[in-house]
Amino acid sequence: MALPPFPCDVCSKRFKYYGKLVIHKRSHTGERRLQCHLCRKRFMQRIGLQLHQRTHTGEKPCTSDVCQKWFTQKSHVKGHKINHTGVKAYKCKVCKKVFAYMGILKEHQGIHSREKPYKCSKCLRAFTWLKLLRLHQKKHPEATSQ
């Protein structure tokens, strides 16, 4: 089987279509050409903007077949279903605390490492958790949207 014809010159990932390569390259440059007209948040792809706009319209077309809770996208339903299983498959190697989601474990590990990867672009304060950064940013006169 032949390799897809369009390689990324940064990471060598290959794509079947040139358009997909163009979109992928934005992940390296950080370019976000599409902007929400309501909150000015920017996106790399049209689908990201479309899904984001549901936060403004309140549209929630996807539902959990377990509890009938509604969500803005299918991936959120999939992640939510873990709540019904009670499974916590991700364990902290330092304190042995367990988590249902890898992302929450990674944020938790910041407590042990004392890393603060989330930096405010306005005042350069740093935070262990993204939630804390976003809360902090609301205190600046002109709220930022990242």
Protein backbone atom coordinates (compact mmCIF):
# COMPACT_ATOMS: atom_id res chain seq x y z
CA MET A 1 0.00 0.00 0.00
CA ALA A 2 1.43 3.38 -1.03
CA LEU A 3 1.97 6.18 1.48
CA PRO A 4 -0.34 9.20 1.24
CA PRO A 5 1.24 11.69 -1.17
CA PHE A 6 1.33 14.88 0.93
CA PRO A 7 3.90 14.94 3.80
CA CYS A 8 4.13 17.65 6.45
CA ASP A 9 7.55 19.29 6.26
CA VAL A 10 7.55 19.81 10.05
CA CYS A 11 6.54 16.42 11.51
CA SER A 12 6.48 14.16 8.41
CA LYS A 13 2.87 13.10 8.98
CA ARG A 14 1.35 12.27 5.59
CA PHE A 15 -2.03 13.15 4.12
CA LYS A 16 -4.13 11.78 1.28
CA TYR A 17 -5.46 15.23 0.40
CA TYR A 18 -3.53 18.50 0.08
CA GLY A 19 -6.32 20.42 1.85
CA LYS A 20 -5.94 18.23 4.93
CA LEU A 21 -2.20 18.97 4.94
CA VAL A 22 -2.89 22.71 4.79
CA ILE A 23 -5.22 22.46 7.81
CA HIS A 24 -2.72 20.25 9.66
CA LYS A 25 0.09 22.79 9.18
CA ARG A 26 -1.94 25.28 11.19
CA SER A 27 -1.35 23.06 14.23
CA HIS A 28 2.36 23.88 13.93
CA THR A 29 1.96 27.59 13.22
CA GLY A 30 -0.92 28.23 15.61
CA GLU A 31 -2.79 29.99 12.82
CA ARG A 32 -6.50 30.32 13.58
CA ARG A 33 -8.20 31.97 10.60
CA LEU A 34 -11.82 31.42 11.59
CA GLN A 35 -13.38 33.61 14.27
CA CYS A 36 -16.63 33.42 16.20
CA HIS A 37 -18.55 36.63 15.50
CA LEU A 38 -20.04 36.64 19.02
CA CYS A 39 -17.05 36.14 21.33
CA ARG A 40 -14.07 36.56 18.97
CA LYS A 41 -12.61 33.11 19.83
CA ARG A 42 -10.56 31.77 16.91
CA PHE A 43 -10.37 28.31 15.30
CA MET A 44 -8.20 26.38 12.85
CA GLN A 45 -11.04 24.46 11.24
CA ARG A 46 -14.65 25.22 10.27
CA ILE A 47 -15.95 22.26 12.32
CA GLY A 48 -14.33 23.65 15.46
CA LEU A 49 -16.09 26.97 14.93
CA GLN A 50 -19.42 25.27 14.18
CA LEU A 51 -19.26 23.14 17.32
CA HIS A 52 -18.21 26.17 19.40
CA GLN A 53 -21.16 28.20 18.13
CA ARG A 54 -23.47 25.71 19.84
CA THR A 55 -22.27 27.14 23.14
CA HIS A 56 -23.94 30.41 22.13
CA THR A 57 -27.11 28.94 20.62
CA GLY A 58 -27.64 26.34 23.34
CA GLU A 59 -28.05 23.64 20.69
CA LYS A 60 -27.39 20.16 22.13
CA PRO A 61 -28.22 17.58 19.46
CA CYS A 62 -26.45 14.59 21.07
CA THR A 63 -27.84 12.59 23.97
CA SER A 64 -26.64 9.92 26.40
CA ASP A 65 -28.60 6.70 25.91
CA VAL A 66 -28.03 5.93 29.61
CA CYS A 67 -29.36 9.06 31.33
CA GLN A 68 -30.78 11.16 28.44
CA LYS A 69 -28.50 14.10 29.25
CA TRP A 70 -27.93 16.31 26.19
CA PHE A 71 -24.55 17.47 24.81
CA THR A 72 -23.22 19.73 22.08
CA GLN A 73 -21.13 16.98 20.44
CA LYS A 74 -20.85 13.19 20.21
CA SER A 75 -17.38 13.10 21.75
CA HIS A 76 -18.78 14.69 24.92
CA VAL A 77 -21.41 11.94 25.15
CA LYS A 78 -18.70 9.30 24.81
CA GLY A 79 -16.63 10.90 27.56
CA HIS A 80 -19.71 11.33 29.77
CA LYS A 81 -20.55 7.62 29.60
CA ILE A 82 -17.49 6.89 31.75
CA ASN A 83 -19.42 8.50 34.62
CA HIS A 84 -21.98 5.69 34.45
CA THR A 85 -19.42 2.89 34.60
CA GLY A 86 -17.68 4.08 37.76
CA VAL A 87 -14.38 2.95 36.24
CA LYS A 88 -11.37 5.06 37.19
CA ALA A 89 -8.59 3.62 35.07
CA TYR A 90 -5.98 6.38 35.50
CA LYS A 91 -3.87 6.25 38.66
CA CYS A 92 -1.41 8.83 39.96
CA LYS A 93 1.98 7.19 40.51
CA VAL A 94 2.81 9.59 43.33
CA CYS A 95 -0.25 9.54 45.61
CA LYS A 96 -2.21 6.61 44.09
CA LYS A 97 -5.35 8.71 43.63
CA VAL A 98 -7.47 7.41 40.72
CA PHE A 99 -9.30 9.28 37.97
CA ALA A 100 -11.84 8.48 35.28
CA TYR A 101 -10.14 10.72 32.71
CA MET A 102 -6.51 10.97 31.60
CA GLY A 103 -6.81 14.76 31.26
CA ILE A 104 -7.83 15.13 34.89
CA LEU A 105 -4.95 12.91 36.00
CA LYS A 106 -2.50 15.05 34.00
CA GLU A 107 -3.80 18.22 35.60
CA HIS A 108 -3.67 16.56 39.03
CA GLN A 109 -0.02 15.64 38.50
CA GLY A 110 0.76 19.35 38.41
CA ILE A 111 0.25 19.36 42.19
CA HIS A 112 3.20 17.01 42.61
CA SER A 113 5.47 18.53 39.97
CA ARG A 114 4.62 22.11 40.96
CA GLU A 115 4.56 22.93 37.25
CA LYS A 116 2.41 25.84 36.17
CA PRO A 117 2.03 25.49 32.40
CA TYR A 118 -0.95 27.86 32.02
CA LYS A 119 0.34 31.42 31.76
CA CYS A 120 -1.71 34.59 31.63
CA SER A 121 -0.89 36.65 28.55
CA LYS A 122 -1.83 39.90 30.35
CA CYS A 123 0.20 39.73 33.56
CA LEU A 124 2.37 36.61 33.22
CA ARG A 125 0.94 34.88 36.33
CA ALA A 126 1.05 31.11 35.95
CA PHE A 127 -1.35 28.38 37.06
CA THR A 128 -1.35 24.63 37.55
CA TRP A 129 -4.84 24.26 36.05
CA LEU A 130 -6.45 25.74 32.96
CA LYS A 131 -9.64 26.37 34.95
CA LEU A 132 -7.73 28.64 37.32
CA LEU A 133 -6.17 30.56 34.45
CA ARG A 134 -9.58 31.15 32.87
CA LEU A 135 -11.03 32.32 36.19
CA HIS A 136 -8.06 34.64 36.65
CA GLN A 137 -8.36 36.09 33.14
CA LYS A 138 -11.92 37.22 33.88
CA LYS A 139 -10.45 39.62 36.45
CA HIS A 140 -8.62 41.60 33.77
CA PRO A 141 -10.55 44.65 32.46
CA GLU A 142 -10.93 43.23 28.96
CA ALA A 143 -11.62 39.50 29.25
CA THR A 144 -9.42 37.34 27.04
CA SER A 145 -10.68 34.34 25.10
CA GLN A 146 -8.14 31.59 24.59
